């Protein structure tokens, strides 16, 4: 039996107030689970345990002489210490600035300086050494706390190990007395062009969005989330941290993305919040297994997905009953349950956000019986603007607006949104704020859309649309997502702005590439094969198979292949793994020109 115990925005008032109210209501209920490397086992913390932890962090922060409104930064992997530091800082009226653990040192240094952060909590001494070189002039950073490892005597001063900094025990301090409209966090967007901008979010921004989502998607105290998206990503922070706290659910912290499959099997979550790439990778593995299996296996799998999809469409009122549906209990037992067991076997909801999920991917998972709900939003909207619901789920859409959020279509079909989740503005950047939020309070998303039957359908992006020399407009992100559904391709970038035809730069997946090249009688270790005409033709055939649903003019005519993946360290990816289009185009400018010479 499922029990509901939602904390209202009014009862919480602030994010730290949300935590205190949760501790008051269900002190002994499980709050967080994490994997202890020392014990090689999962450990559980109750809300009372977390209250004890938060009190120690409060006392240590209070001893630093910081004032309400001062910025403190956190560069940690997901875990109970992330939450304890965050709540402790917020309770003292401090402003939390989250950083990505894998971000480039110069990006992290820019954020620390731009936000004028006074204190930094960092994962390890190694992480700090990487960052220290880029922070030579950060005089305002008076304290650096190292979570893992020791601080050498030569580094003592502003550096301190957490075990020397935290008191052994402490009593919770009284609330700072701030209100929900106060600035809670500055979250820097990982923009694909230019320097990141600091999005200012209030306590009320994130509380209101979390509560609005809970009025559309039921979450119970018995639910278990698995947290693996970085908490510096607003989707994970609002949806995978504050929202479960508001509902009284449990969060288990995955060890890493590499160990996610193993952790899903151990934790067996009931709710999963992820980005499309996670579902795409599982989809790719399934396709590989089907390709290597027999015709009977492929036929049975396709029948299962087709029947499951018909069942879903009927539940949504979009299809009639069919005798084929009588097969579903058998197909579910033979096929669907075995696939979903890889995700823990207990999922009653999976939410995808951060980018569009390709239609074949959502169709496969929904056809297997996984309730997959696509949502939409921006960091600037805390971050959710819309989401599908169990009762009204159109996978082609990004859902319906969450409670108290208005949407409309503006000039050039741009989606505009207005509601309690819209940011306070950009930190120290009034010009960018005015460009993003108009005088009537409408947030300009930059995404093109249409609204039908209350659902929002994203049709393109204003800045990313490629306009070819013949006037045709092409959405490159949609094409790139479709191309990467073929497990042979790991990264893709479509080129064609002002050009007569489209080309692409492709980074193959090494796992599949070597075998593919050998089948053509080529040496995969000799990079000369990347320019082989026969190989290019075969690659183009695979790309065109993925783009069969796109218009005729959206055809890739030529490709440039590279075995060097685009990485964060090279400045070609953002911390959220989005491709920096302009940087990649700049790096491959000569090869791109060669694609258009003949």
Protein backbone atom coordinates (compact mmCIF):
# COMPACT_ATOMS: atom_id res chain seq x y z
CA UNK A 1 0.00 0.00 0.00
CA UNK A 2 1.37 3.43 -0.99
CA UNK A 3 1.28 6.36 1.43
CA UNK A 4 1.49 10.02 0.46
CA UNK A 5 2.99 12.71 2.70
CA UNK A 6 3.66 15.82 0.61
CA UNK A 7 5.11 18.94 2.20
CA UNK A 8 3.55 22.04 0.67
CA UNK A 9 5.57 25.02 -0.51
CA UNK A 10 3.96 27.09 2.23
CA UNK A 11 4.82 24.57 4.97
CA UNK A 12 8.44 24.46 3.80
CA UNK A 13 8.85 28.20 3.10
CA UNK A 14 12.55 27.66 2.23
CA UNK A 15 14.64 24.72 1.03
CA UNK A 16 16.24 24.29 4.45
CA UNK A 17 12.74 24.62 5.91
CA UNK A 18 11.71 21.72 3.67
CA UNK A 19 14.46 19.60 5.22
CA UNK A 20 13.48 20.54 8.80
CA UNK A 21 9.83 19.72 8.12
CA UNK A 22 10.78 16.35 6.62
CA UNK A 23 12.91 15.52 9.69
CA UNK A 24 9.99 16.53 11.95
CA UNK A 25 7.46 14.38 10.07
CA UNK A 26 9.38 11.16 9.41
CA UNK A 27 12.61 11.17 11.46
CA UNK A 28 13.20 7.41 11.30
CA UNK A 29 12.29 6.89 7.63
CA UNK A 30 15.18 6.15 5.22
CA UNK A 31 16.45 9.32 3.54
CA UNK A 32 19.58 8.29 1.61
CA UNK A 33 21.48 5.16 0.71
CA UNK A 34 25.08 5.10 -0.44
CA UNK A 35 27.69 2.46 -1.20
CA UNK A 36 30.52 2.24 1.34
CA UNK A 37 33.72 1.32 -0.49
CA UNK A 38 35.35 0.27 2.78
CA UNK A 39 32.56 -2.09 3.81
CA UNK A 40 31.65 -2.96 0.20
CA UNK A 41 27.98 -2.65 1.14
CA UNK A 42 25.06 -0.25 0.90
CA UNK A 43 24.42 1.91 3.97
CA UNK A 44 21.22 3.73 4.86
CA UNK A 45 20.75 7.09 6.62
CA UNK A 46 17.49 8.16 8.23
CA UNK A 47 16.25 11.74 8.22
CA UNK A 48 17.32 11.97 11.87
CA UNK A 49 20.82 10.79 10.88
CA UNK A 50 20.92 13.49 8.21
CA UNK A 51 19.80 16.11 10.75
CA UNK A 52 22.81 15.19 12.89
CA UNK A 53 25.12 15.51 9.89
CA UNK A 54 23.68 18.84 8.81
CA UNK A 55 24.19 20.26 12.34
CA UNK A 56 27.93 19.51 12.14
CA UNK A 57 28.21 21.24 8.75
CA UNK A 58 26.24 24.20 10.12
CA UNK A 59 28.61 24.67 13.04
CA UNK A 60 31.69 24.47 10.83
CA UNK A 61 30.30 26.96 8.32
CA UNK A 62 29.15 29.31 11.09
CA UNK A 63 32.71 29.37 12.48
CA UNK A 64 34.02 30.76 9.17
CA UNK A 65 32.54 34.19 9.78
CA UNK A 66 30.47 34.21 6.62
CA UNK A 67 27.50 36.56 6.22
CA UNK A 68 24.05 35.79 4.76
CA UNK A 69 24.26 36.21 0.99
CA UNK A 70 27.91 35.10 0.77
CA UNK A 71 28.56 32.47 -1.87
CA UNK A 72 29.94 29.02 -1.06
CA UNK A 73 30.81 26.50 -3.79
CA UNK A 74 30.55 22.73 -3.88
CA UNK A 75 32.55 20.44 -6.16
CA UNK A 76 31.56 16.94 -5.07
CA UNK A 77 30.23 13.73 -6.49
CA UNK A 78 26.63 12.96 -5.54
CA UNK A 79 26.26 11.72 -1.99
CA UNK A 80 24.94 12.52 1.49
CA UNK A 81 27.71 15.09 2.06
CA UNK A 82 26.49 17.09 -0.96
CA UNK A 83 23.03 17.30 0.60
CA UNK A 84 24.32 17.99 4.13
CA UNK A 85 26.54 20.86 2.98
CA UNK A 86 23.78 22.31 0.79
CA UNK A 87 21.13 22.30 3.54
CA UNK A 88 23.58 23.62 6.15
CA UNK A 89 24.67 26.49 3.91
CA UNK A 90 21.10 27.40 2.95
CA UNK A 91 20.01 27.36 6.59
CA UNK A 92 22.64 30.05 7.32
CA UNK A 93 21.40 32.24 4.47
CA UNK A 94 24.41 31.41 2.28
CA UNK A 95 24.14 31.04 -1.49
CA UNK A 96 25.24 27.67 -2.90
CA UNK A 97 27.19 27.57 -6.19
CA UNK A 98 27.40 23.99 -7.54
CA UNK A 99 30.31 22.97 -9.78
CA UNK A 100 30.74 19.93 -12.03
CA UNK A 101 33.37 17.49 -10.75
CA UNK A 102 34.58 16.80 -14.30
CA UNK A 103 34.56 20.40 -15.51
CA UNK A 104 37.73 21.97 -16.88
CA UNK A 105 39.77 23.82 -14.22
CA UNK A 106 39.59 27.12 -16.11
CA UNK A 107 35.77 26.93 -16.27
CA UNK A 108 35.49 26.15 -12.55
CA UNK A 109 37.94 28.95 -11.74
CA UNK A 110 35.91 31.39 -13.82
CA UNK A 111 32.75 30.50 -11.89
CA UNK A 112 34.46 30.74 -8.49
CA UNK A 113 35.79 34.19 -9.37
CA UNK A 114 32.64 35.45 -11.10
CA UNK A 115 30.42 34.48 -8.16
CA UNK A 116 33.08 35.73 -5.71
CA UNK A 117 32.89 32.49 -3.72
CA UNK A 118 34.32 32.64 -0.21
CA UNK A 119 34.49 28.91 0.54
CA UNK A 120 34.86 25.77 -1.58
CA UNK A 121 34.12 22.16 -0.63
CA UNK A 122 36.06 19.92 -3.02
CA UNK A 123 36.09 16.14 -3.48
CA UNK A 124 39.79 15.44 -2.99
CA UNK A 125 43.26 16.94 -2.77
CA UNK A 126 43.80 15.82 -6.37
CA UNK A 127 40.77 17.78 -7.55
CA UNK A 128 42.04 20.83 -5.68
CA UNK A 129 45.53 20.62 -7.21
CA UNK A 130 44.02 20.59 -10.69
CA UNK A 131 42.00 23.67 -9.80
CA UNK A 132 44.61 25.54 -7.78
CA UNK A 133 46.75 26.42 -10.82
CA UNK A 134 43.80 28.18 -12.45
CA UNK A 135 42.91 30.00 -9.22
CA UNK A 136 46.12 31.89 -8.52
CA UNK A 137 44.30 35.23 -8.21
CA UNK A 138 41.21 34.10 -6.27
CA UNK A 139 41.97 36.11 -3.13
CA UNK A 140 38.33 36.04 -2.00
CA UNK A 141 38.45 32.23 -1.59
CA UNK A 142 39.45 32.15 2.08
CA UNK A 143 38.69 28.50 2.82
CA UNK A 144 39.01 25.25 0.84
CA UNK A 145 37.70 22.09 2.52
CA UNK A 146 38.97 18.74 1.21
CA UNK A 147 36.48 15.87 1.64
CA UNK A 148 38.85 12.98 0.84
CA UNK A 149 42.54 12.78 1.74
CA UNK A 150 44.96 14.73 3.90
CA UNK A 151 46.29 18.26 3.64
CA UNK A 152 50.08 18.53 3.68
CA UNK A 153 51.70 20.92 6.15
CA UNK A 154 52.98 23.07 3.29
CA UNK A 155 49.39 23.55 2.06
CA UNK A 156 47.90 24.40 5.45
CA UNK A 157 46.25 27.79 5.75
CA UNK A 158 43.13 28.15 3.72
CA UNK A 159 43.21 24.37 3.00
CA UNK A 160 41.76 22.00 5.60
CA UNK A 161 40.73 18.33 5.60
CA UNK A 162 37.06 17.82 6.40
CA UNK A 163 37.75 15.57 9.40
CA UNK A 164 39.77 18.39 10.99
CA UNK A 165 37.17 21.02 10.10
CA UNK A 166 33.88 19.39 11.12
CA UNK A 167 33.10 19.20 14.85
CA UNK A 168 32.51 15.70 16.22
CA UNK A 169 29.02 16.66 17.36
CA UNK A 170 26.80 19.73 17.24
CA UNK A 171 23.29 20.93 17.94
CA UNK A 172 21.23 22.32 15.03
CA UNK A 173 21.43 26.11 14.76
CA UNK A 174 18.24 28.19 14.56
CA UNK A 175 17.08 29.17 11.03
CA UNK A 176 18.61 32.33 9.58
CA UNK A 177 15.16 33.90 9.17
CA UNK A 178 15.32 34.41 5.39
CA UNK A 179 12.22 34.04 3.23
CA UNK A 180 11.43 31.93 0.20
CA UNK A 181 12.12 34.73 -2.26
CA UNK A 182 15.76 34.99 -1.11
CA UNK A 183 18.52 33.90 -3.46
CA UNK A 184 19.36 30.25 -2.76
CA UNK A 185 21.74 29.26 -5.53
CA UNK A 186 23.64 30.49 -8.56
CA UNK A 187 23.72 27.73 -11.16
CA UNK A 188 26.03 28.37 -14.09
CA UNK A 189 24.65 27.24 -17.43
CA UNK A 190 27.04 25.15 -19.45
CA UNK A 191 26.48 27.19 -22.57
CA UNK A 192 27.60 25.79 -25.91
CA UNK A 193 28.91 29.24 -26.85
CA UNK A 194 30.77 31.80 -24.74
CA UNK A 195 31.28 31.89 -21.01
CA UNK A 196 28.66 30.32 -18.72
CA UNK A 197 26.06 32.63 -17.17
CA UNK A 198 25.05 32.43 -13.52
CA UNK A 199 21.34 31.64 -13.18
CA UNK A 200 20.00 33.04 -9.90
CA UNK A 201 17.39 30.74 -8.36
CA UNK A 202 15.45 31.48 -5.18
CA UNK A 203 14.21 28.98 -2.61
CA UNK A 204 10.68 29.55 -3.93
CA UNK A 205 11.74 28.94 -7.55
CA UNK A 206 12.83 25.38 -6.85
CA UNK A 207 10.22 24.60 -4.18
CA UNK A 208 7.34 25.69 -6.41
CA UNK A 209 8.55 23.61 -9.36
CA UNK A 210 9.10 20.49 -7.24
CA UNK A 211 5.62 20.79 -5.74
CA UNK A 212 3.98 21.51 -9.10
CA UNK A 213 5.50 18.33 -10.55
CA UNK A 214 4.23 16.34 -7.56
CA UNK A 215 0.66 17.50 -8.30
CA UNK A 216 1.02 15.86 -11.74
CA UNK A 217 3.08 12.74 -10.99
CA UNK A 218 2.35 10.93 -7.74
CA UNK A 219 5.38 10.11 -5.61
CA UNK A 220 5.01 8.11 -2.40
CA UNK A 221 7.07 7.56 0.74
CA UNK A 222 7.75 4.01 -0.43
CA UNK A 223 9.34 5.22 -3.66
CA UNK A 224 13.06 4.89 -4.22
CA UNK A 225 15.03 7.14 -6.58
CA UNK A 226 18.51 6.42 -7.89
CA UNK A 227 20.69 9.51 -8.24
CA UNK A 228 23.37 9.51 -10.92
CA UNK A 229 22.95 12.75 -12.90
CA UNK A 230 25.26 15.36 -11.29
CA UNK A 231 23.55 17.36 -8.54
CA UNK A 232 25.08 20.43 -10.16
CA UNK A 233 22.54 19.76 -12.96
CA UNK A 234 19.27 21.49 -12.01
CA UNK A 235 17.14 18.59 -13.25
CA UNK A 236 18.75 16.28 -10.71
CA UNK A 237 18.80 18.90 -7.98
CA UNK A 238 15.12 19.87 -8.18
CA UNK A 239 13.71 16.55 -9.43
CA UNK A 240 16.06 14.04 -7.81
CA UNK A 241 16.85 15.78 -4.50
CA UNK A 242 14.32 18.39 -3.34
CA UNK A 243 11.31 16.62 -4.88
CA UNK A 244 11.94 13.25 -3.11
CA UNK A 245 12.50 15.17 0.13
CA UNK A 246 9.16 16.91 -0.36
CA UNK A 247 7.48 13.51 -0.86
CA UNK A 248 9.43 11.65 1.83
CA UNK A 249 10.91 9.18 -0.66
CA UNK A 250 14.38 7.60 -0.47
CA UNK A 251 17.33 8.47 -2.72
CA UNK A 252 20.13 5.98 -3.43
CA UNK A 253 23.36 7.44 -4.81
CA UNK A 254 24.82 5.47 -7.69
CA UNK A 255 28.57 4.94 -7.56
CA UNK A 256 29.17 6.11 -11.14
CA UNK A 257 27.60 6.01 -14.58
CA UNK A 258 29.99 3.16 -15.45
CA UNK A 259 28.54 1.10 -12.56
CA UNK A 260 24.96 2.24 -13.11
CA UNK A 261 23.73 -1.09 -14.51
CA UNK A 262 25.06 -2.93 -11.44
CA UNK A 263 23.60 -0.31 -9.07
CA UNK A 264 20.18 -0.43 -10.74
CA UNK A 265 20.10 -4.18 -10.17
CA UNK A 266 21.06 -3.70 -6.48
CA UNK A 267 18.91 -0.67 -5.63
CA UNK A 268 15.89 -1.66 -7.77
CA UNK A 269 14.50 1.91 -7.94
CA UNK A 270 10.85 2.70 -8.54
CA UNK A 271 11.53 6.10 -10.15
CA UNK A 272 14.35 7.00 -12.53
CA UNK A 273 15.23 10.51 -13.70
CA UNK A 274 17.62 10.47 -16.65
CA UNK A 275 18.73 12.18 -19.82
CA UNK A 276 17.96 10.60 -23.22
CA UNK A 277 21.53 9.33 -23.69
CA UNK A 278 21.01 6.75 -20.93
CA UNK A 279 17.95 5.31 -22.68
CA UNK A 280 19.69 5.57 -26.07
CA UNK A 281 22.62 3.48 -24.85
CA UNK A 282 20.33 0.74 -23.52
CA UNK A 283 18.41 0.89 -26.80
CA UNK A 284 21.68 0.47 -28.73
CA UNK A 285 22.69 -2.58 -26.69
CA UNK A 286 19.28 -4.15 -27.27
CA UNK A 287 19.60 -3.58 -31.03
CA UNK A 288 23.08 -5.15 -31.04
CA UNK A 289 21.78 -8.23 -29.19
CA UNK A 290 18.86 -8.57 -31.61
CA UNK A 291 21.17 -8.26 -34.62
CA UNK A 292 23.32 -11.14 -33.34
CA UNK A 293 20.30 -13.27 -32.39
CA UNK A 294 18.08 -15.46 -34.52
CA UNK A 295 15.08 -14.43 -36.61
CA UNK A 296 12.66 -15.99 -34.09
CA UNK A 297 14.12 -13.94 -31.25
CA UNK A 298 13.87 -10.72 -33.30
CA UNK A 299 10.34 -11.50 -34.35
CA UNK A 300 9.21 -12.21 -30.78
CA UNK A 301 10.81 -9.00 -29.53
CA UNK A 302 9.16 -6.87 -32.23
CA UNK A 303 5.80 -8.49 -31.56
CA UNK A 304 6.19 -7.66 -27.86
CA UNK A 305 7.00 -4.00 -28.51
CA UNK A 306 4.22 -3.69 -31.09
CA UNK A 307 1.65 -5.28 -28.76
CA UNK A 308 2.84 -3.26 -25.77
CA UNK A 309 2.62 -0.04 -27.79
CA UNK A 310 -0.94 -0.89 -28.86
CA UNK A 311 -1.79 -1.53 -25.21
CA UNK A 312 -0.31 1.86 -24.24
CA UNK A 313 -2.17 3.69 -27.02
CA UNK A 314 -5.43 2.07 -25.92
CA UNK A 315 -4.82 3.19 -22.32
CA UNK A 316 -4.42 6.74 -23.63
CA UNK A 317 -7.67 6.54 -25.60
CA UNK A 318 -5.93 6.60 -28.98
CA UNK A 319 -6.51 2.98 -30.10
CA UNK A 320 -9.25 0.37 -29.99
CA UNK A 321 -9.09 -3.03 -28.37
CA UNK A 322 -7.47 -5.74 -30.48
CA UNK A 323 -7.37 -9.54 -30.06
CA UNK A 324 -3.55 -9.22 -30.18
CA UNK A 325 -3.70 -7.64 -26.70
CA UNK A 326 -4.60 -11.06 -25.31
CA UNK A 327 -0.99 -12.04 -25.98
CA UNK A 328 0.41 -9.33 -23.68
CA UNK A 329 0.60 -11.33 -20.38
CA UNK A 330 2.61 -14.04 -22.15
CA UNK A 331 4.83 -11.59 -24.08
CA UNK A 332 5.48 -9.57 -20.94
CA UNK A 333 6.64 -12.67 -19.08
CA UNK A 334 8.76 -14.02 -21.96
CA UNK A 335 10.33 -10.75 -23.15
CA UNK A 336 9.41 -7.44 -21.52
CA UNK A 337 9.99 -8.37 -17.87
CA UNK A 338 13.42 -9.80 -18.70
CA UNK A 339 14.53 -6.56 -20.38
CA UNK A 340 13.13 -4.30 -17.65
CA UNK A 341 14.82 -6.47 -15.00
CA UNK A 342 18.08 -4.89 -16.22
CA UNK A 343 16.71 -1.59 -14.86
CA UNK A 344 15.89 -3.17 -11.51
CA UNK A 345 12.49 -4.59 -12.43
CA UNK A 346 10.48 -2.26 -10.16
CA UNK A 347 10.31 0.98 -12.18
CA UNK A 348 6.85 2.53 -12.17
CA UNK A 349 8.05 5.79 -13.74
CA UNK A 350 11.02 6.95 -15.79
CA UNK A 351 11.36 10.65 -16.56
CA UNK A 352 13.54 11.85 -19.42
CA UNK A 353 14.66 15.47 -19.71
CA UNK A 354 17.55 17.67 -20.75
CA UNK A 355 17.11 16.96 -24.48
CA UNK A 356 14.61 15.36 -26.86
CA UNK A 357 14.35 11.59 -26.68
CA UNK A 358 14.21 9.98 -30.16
CA UNK A 359 10.84 8.45 -31.05
CA UNK A 360 12.16 4.90 -31.69
CA UNK A 361 13.69 4.87 -28.20
CA UNK A 362 10.57 6.01 -26.36
CA UNK A 363 8.43 3.65 -28.46
CA UNK A 364 10.60 0.66 -27.53
CA UNK A 365 10.60 1.30 -23.77
CA UNK A 366 6.92 2.18 -23.61
CA UNK A 367 6.19 -0.90 -25.73
CA UNK A 368 8.01 -2.99 -23.14
CA UNK A 369 5.72 -1.60 -20.45
CA UNK A 370 7.97 1.09 -18.95
CA UNK A 371 5.97 4.26 -18.14
CA UNK A 372 8.36 6.76 -19.78
CA UNK A 373 7.45 10.42 -19.35
CA UNK A 374 9.24 13.11 -21.33
CA UNK A 375 9.57 16.57 -19.80
CA UNK A 376 11.04 19.91 -20.78
CA UNK A 377 12.64 22.93 -19.18
CA UNK A 378 15.70 25.11 -18.73
CA UNK A 379 18.04 25.91 -15.88
CA UNK A 380 16.40 29.36 -16.05
CA UNK A 381 13.02 27.78 -15.18
CA UNK A 382 14.26 25.75 -12.17
CA UNK A 383 14.14 23.69 -14.50
CA UNK A 384 10.74 22.16 -15.37
CA UNK A 385 8.24 23.92 -17.66
CA UNK A 386 6.23 20.91 -18.79
CA UNK A 387 5.97 17.15 -18.39
CA UNK A 388 3.79 14.32 -19.63
CA UNK A 389 1.64 12.48 -17.09
CA UNK A 390 0.57 8.86 -16.76
CA UNK A 391 -2.98 9.71 -17.80
CA UNK A 392 -2.07 12.09 -20.67
CA UNK A 393 1.16 10.88 -22.21
CA UNK A 394 2.06 11.78 -25.78
CA UNK A 395 5.71 10.71 -26.22
CA UNK A 396 6.08 12.97 -29.27
CA UNK A 397 5.43 15.97 -27.02
CA UNK A 398 7.27 17.34 -23.98
CA UNK A 399 4.03 17.29 -22.02
CA UNK A 400 1.69 19.86 -20.58
CA UNK A 401 2.72 22.93 -18.55
CA UNK A 402 3.18 22.30 -14.84
CA UNK A 403 0.82 23.98 -12.40
CA UNK A 404 0.88 27.82 -12.33
CA UNK A 405 3.12 27.96 -15.42
CA UNK A 406 1.80 29.67 -18.55
CA UNK A 407 3.15 29.08 -22.04
CA UNK A 408 2.52 30.73 -25.39
CA UNK A 409 4.07 30.95 -28.83
CA UNK A 410 5.90 34.19 -29.63
CA UNK A 411 7.64 35.61 -32.69
CA UNK A 412 9.38 33.08 -34.98
CA UNK A 413 7.40 30.30 -33.21
CA UNK A 414 9.49 30.72 -30.05
CA UNK A 415 8.13 29.10 -26.90
CA UNK A 416 7.64 31.58 -24.06
CA UNK A 417 6.99 30.59 -20.44
CA UNK A 418 5.94 32.48 -17.34
CA UNK A 419 5.55 31.16 -13.81
CA UNK A 420 6.98 30.84 -10.28
CA UNK A 421 9.96 28.81 -11.49
CA UNK A 422 11.38 31.58 -13.69
CA UNK A 423 14.78 32.69 -12.38
CA UNK A 424 15.50 35.95 -10.59
CA UNK A 425 17.91 36.82 -13.41
CA UNK A 426 21.55 36.29 -14.40
CA UNK A 427 24.22 37.06 -11.82
CA UNK A 428 25.88 40.41 -12.60
CA UNK A 429 24.51 40.39 -16.15
CA UNK A 430 21.53 42.70 -16.52
CA UNK A 431 21.83 42.82 -20.33
CA UNK A 432 21.50 39.04 -20.66
CA UNK A 433 18.61 39.07 -18.17
CA UNK A 434 16.69 41.63 -20.24
CA UNK A 435 17.26 39.55 -23.38
CA UNK A 436 15.96 36.41 -21.64
CA UNK A 437 12.98 37.80 -19.68
CA UNK A 438 10.79 40.48 -21.27
CA UNK A 439 9.04 43.29 -19.31
CA UNK A 440 5.88 41.15 -18.96
CA UNK A 441 7.82 38.36 -17.26
CA UNK A 442 7.89 35.94 -20.21
CA UNK A 443 10.98 33.73 -20.36
CA UNK A 444 12.27 33.40 -23.95
CA UNK A 445 13.32 29.76 -24.21
CA UNK A 446 15.05 29.96 -27.60
CA UNK A 447 13.16 26.81 -28.64
CA UNK A 448 10.61 26.77 -31.43
CA UNK A 449 7.39 24.94 -30.66
CA UNK A 450 3.73 24.44 -31.36
CA UNK A 451 0.97 23.83 -28.82
CA UNK A 452 -1.83 21.38 -29.63
CA UNK A 453 -4.40 19.93 -27.26
CA UNK A 454 -2.54 21.48 -24.33
CA UNK A 455 0.66 19.60 -25.24
CA UNK A 456 3.91 21.32 -26.22
CA UNK A 457 5.80 19.99 -29.24
CA UNK A 458 9.35 21.27 -29.71
CA UNK A 459 10.04 21.77 -33.42
CA UNK A 460 13.51 23.30 -33.43
CA UNK A 461 15.91 25.73 -31.85
CA UNK A 462 16.18 29.32 -33.02
CA UNK A 463 19.97 29.51 -32.92
CA UNK A 464 20.72 25.92 -33.94
CA UNK A 465 18.57 25.69 -37.06
CA UNK A 466 20.74 25.25 -40.15
CA UNK A 467 19.57 27.28 -43.15
CA UNK A 468 20.95 25.74 -46.32
CA UNK A 469 21.77 27.78 -49.43
CA UNK A 470 18.51 26.60 -51.02
CA UNK A 471 16.52 28.06 -48.10
CA UNK A 472 15.63 24.71 -46.52
CA UNK A 473 15.76 24.70 -42.71
CA UNK A 474 17.21 21.68 -40.92
CA UNK A 475 17.22 20.85 -37.15
CA UNK A 476 20.73 19.38 -36.68
CA UNK A 477 20.18 18.15 -33.10
CA UNK A 478 17.30 15.90 -34.19
CA UNK A 479 19.37 14.46 -37.01
CA UNK A 480 22.38 13.91 -34.75
CA UNK A 481 20.25 12.10 -32.19
CA UNK A 482 18.85 9.84 -34.92
CA UNK A 483 22.34 9.07 -36.29
CA UNK A 484 23.64 8.10 -32.85
CA UNK A 485 20.90 5.51 -32.41
CA UNK A 486 23.19 3.36 -34.55
CA UNK A 487 25.65 1.94 -32.01
CA UNK A 488 28.45 2.31 -34.59
CA UNK A 489 28.43 6.08 -33.99
CA UNK A 490 29.36 7.65 -30.65
CA UNK A 491 29.28 11.37 -31.58
CA UNK A 492 27.93 13.25 -34.58
CA UNK A 493 27.70 16.83 -35.79
CA UNK A 494 25.68 17.82 -38.85
CA UNK A 495 27.08 20.65 -41.02
CA UNK A 496 25.29 22.69 -43.66
CA UNK A 497 24.73 26.36 -42.72
CA UNK A 498 24.66 28.27 -46.03
CA UNK A 499 25.79 25.16 -47.92
CA UNK A 500 24.15 23.39 -50.87
CA UNK A 501 23.98 20.04 -49.08
CA UNK A 502 24.51 18.49 -45.66
CA UNK A 503 27.63 16.77 -44.38
CA UNK A 504 28.56 15.32 -41.00
CA UNK A 505 31.56 14.86 -38.75
CA UNK A 506 31.39 11.45 -37.10
CA UNK A 507 33.25 9.94 -34.14
CA UNK A 508 32.75 6.15 -34.27
CA UNK A 509 32.31 3.97 -31.19
CA UNK A 510 35.60 2.02 -30.83
CA UNK A 511 33.79 -1.10 -29.56
CA UNK A 512 31.98 -1.56 -32.86
CA UNK A 513 34.26 0.31 -35.26
CA UNK A 514 37.21 -2.08 -35.39
CA UNK A 515 35.06 -5.05 -36.40
CA UNK A 516 33.18 -2.94 -38.94
CA UNK A 517 36.44 -1.79 -40.59
CA UNK A 518 37.91 -5.31 -40.65
CA UNK A 519 34.81 -6.61 -42.45
CA UNK A 520 35.70 -4.23 -45.28
CA UNK A 521 39.23 -5.65 -45.46
CA UNK A 522 40.81 -2.50 -44.00
CA UNK A 523 43.33 -2.05 -41.18
CA UNK A 524 41.59 -0.32 -38.24
CA UNK A 525 44.97 0.73 -36.78
CA UNK A 526 45.94 2.63 -39.94
CA UNK A 527 44.20 6.00 -39.85
CA UNK A 528 44.39 6.13 -43.65
CA UNK A 529 41.26 3.97 -43.67
CA UNK A 530 39.27 7.02 -42.49
CA UNK A 531 39.57 8.44 -46.01
CA UNK A 532 38.68 5.22 -47.82
CA UNK A 533 35.89 5.75 -50.37
CA UNK A 534 34.33 2.30 -49.86
CA UNK A 535 34.23 2.92 -46.10
CA UNK A 536 32.59 6.32 -46.54
CA UNK A 537 29.89 4.78 -48.74
CA UNK A 538 29.11 2.13 -46.10
CA UNK A 539 29.01 4.75 -43.34
CA UNK A 540 26.67 6.92 -45.42
CA UNK A 541 24.38 3.94 -45.97
CA UNK A 542 24.11 3.42 -42.20
CA UNK A 543 23.49 7.12 -41.60
CA UNK A 544 20.77 7.26 -44.26
CA UNK A 545 19.06 4.24 -42.70
CA UNK A 546 18.82 6.23 -39.46
CA UNK A 547 17.49 9.32 -41.27
CA UNK A 548 14.81 7.58 -43.33
CA UNK A 549 12.00 9.52 -41.61
CA UNK A 550 13.53 12.93 -42.35
CA UNK A 551 12.61 14.98 -45.48
CA UNK A 552 14.49 14.26 -48.69
CA UNK A 553 16.56 17.44 -48.47
CA UNK A 554 17.82 16.38 -45.01
CA UNK A 555 20.26 13.90 -46.48
CA UNK A 556 23.91 13.58 -45.48
CA UNK A 557 25.97 13.57 -48.69
CA UNK A 558 29.50 13.23 -47.28
CA UNK A 559 31.18 12.47 -43.95
CA UNK A 560 34.44 13.26 -42.21
CA UNK A 561 35.50 10.50 -39.78
CA UNK A 562 37.73 10.98 -36.73
CA UNK A 563 38.80 8.52 -34.05
CA UNK A 564 39.51 11.33 -31.56
CA UNK A 565 36.46 11.72 -29.27
CA UNK A 566 35.27 15.23 -28.38
CA UNK A 567 35.96 15.81 -24.71
CA UNK A 568 35.42 18.29 -21.94
CA UNK A 569 39.17 18.83 -21.51
CA UNK A 570 39.51 19.88 -25.14
CA UNK A 571 36.71 22.40 -24.68
CA UNK A 572 34.52 20.60 -27.22
CA UNK A 573 31.83 19.52 -24.72
CA UNK A 574 29.98 21.29 -21.95
CA UNK A 575 29.91 19.72 -18.45
CA UNK A 576 26.45 18.36 -19.35
CA UNK A 577 28.04 16.61 -22.35
CA UNK A 578 26.47 18.85 -25.00
CA UNK A 579 28.62 19.44 -28.06
CA UNK A 580 30.03 22.94 -28.45
CA UNK A 581 29.09 23.25 -32.09
CA UNK A 582 31.15 26.36 -32.86
CA UNK A 583 34.29 24.88 -31.30
CA UNK A 584 33.99 21.61 -33.23
CA UNK A 585 33.35 23.49 -36.48
CA UNK A 586 36.46 25.59 -35.81
CA UNK A 587 38.64 22.57 -35.06
CA UNK A 588 37.53 20.70 -38.19
CA UNK A 589 37.29 23.71 -40.52
CA UNK A 590 39.78 22.38 -43.08
CA UNK A 591 38.18 18.94 -43.28
CA UNK A 592 34.73 20.49 -43.61
CA UNK A 593 35.87 22.66 -46.50
CA UNK A 594 37.27 19.55 -48.19
CA UNK A 595 33.80 17.95 -48.01
CA UNK A 596 32.44 20.77 -50.18
CA UNK A 597 35.29 21.03 -52.70
CA UNK A 598 33.85 18.47 -55.11
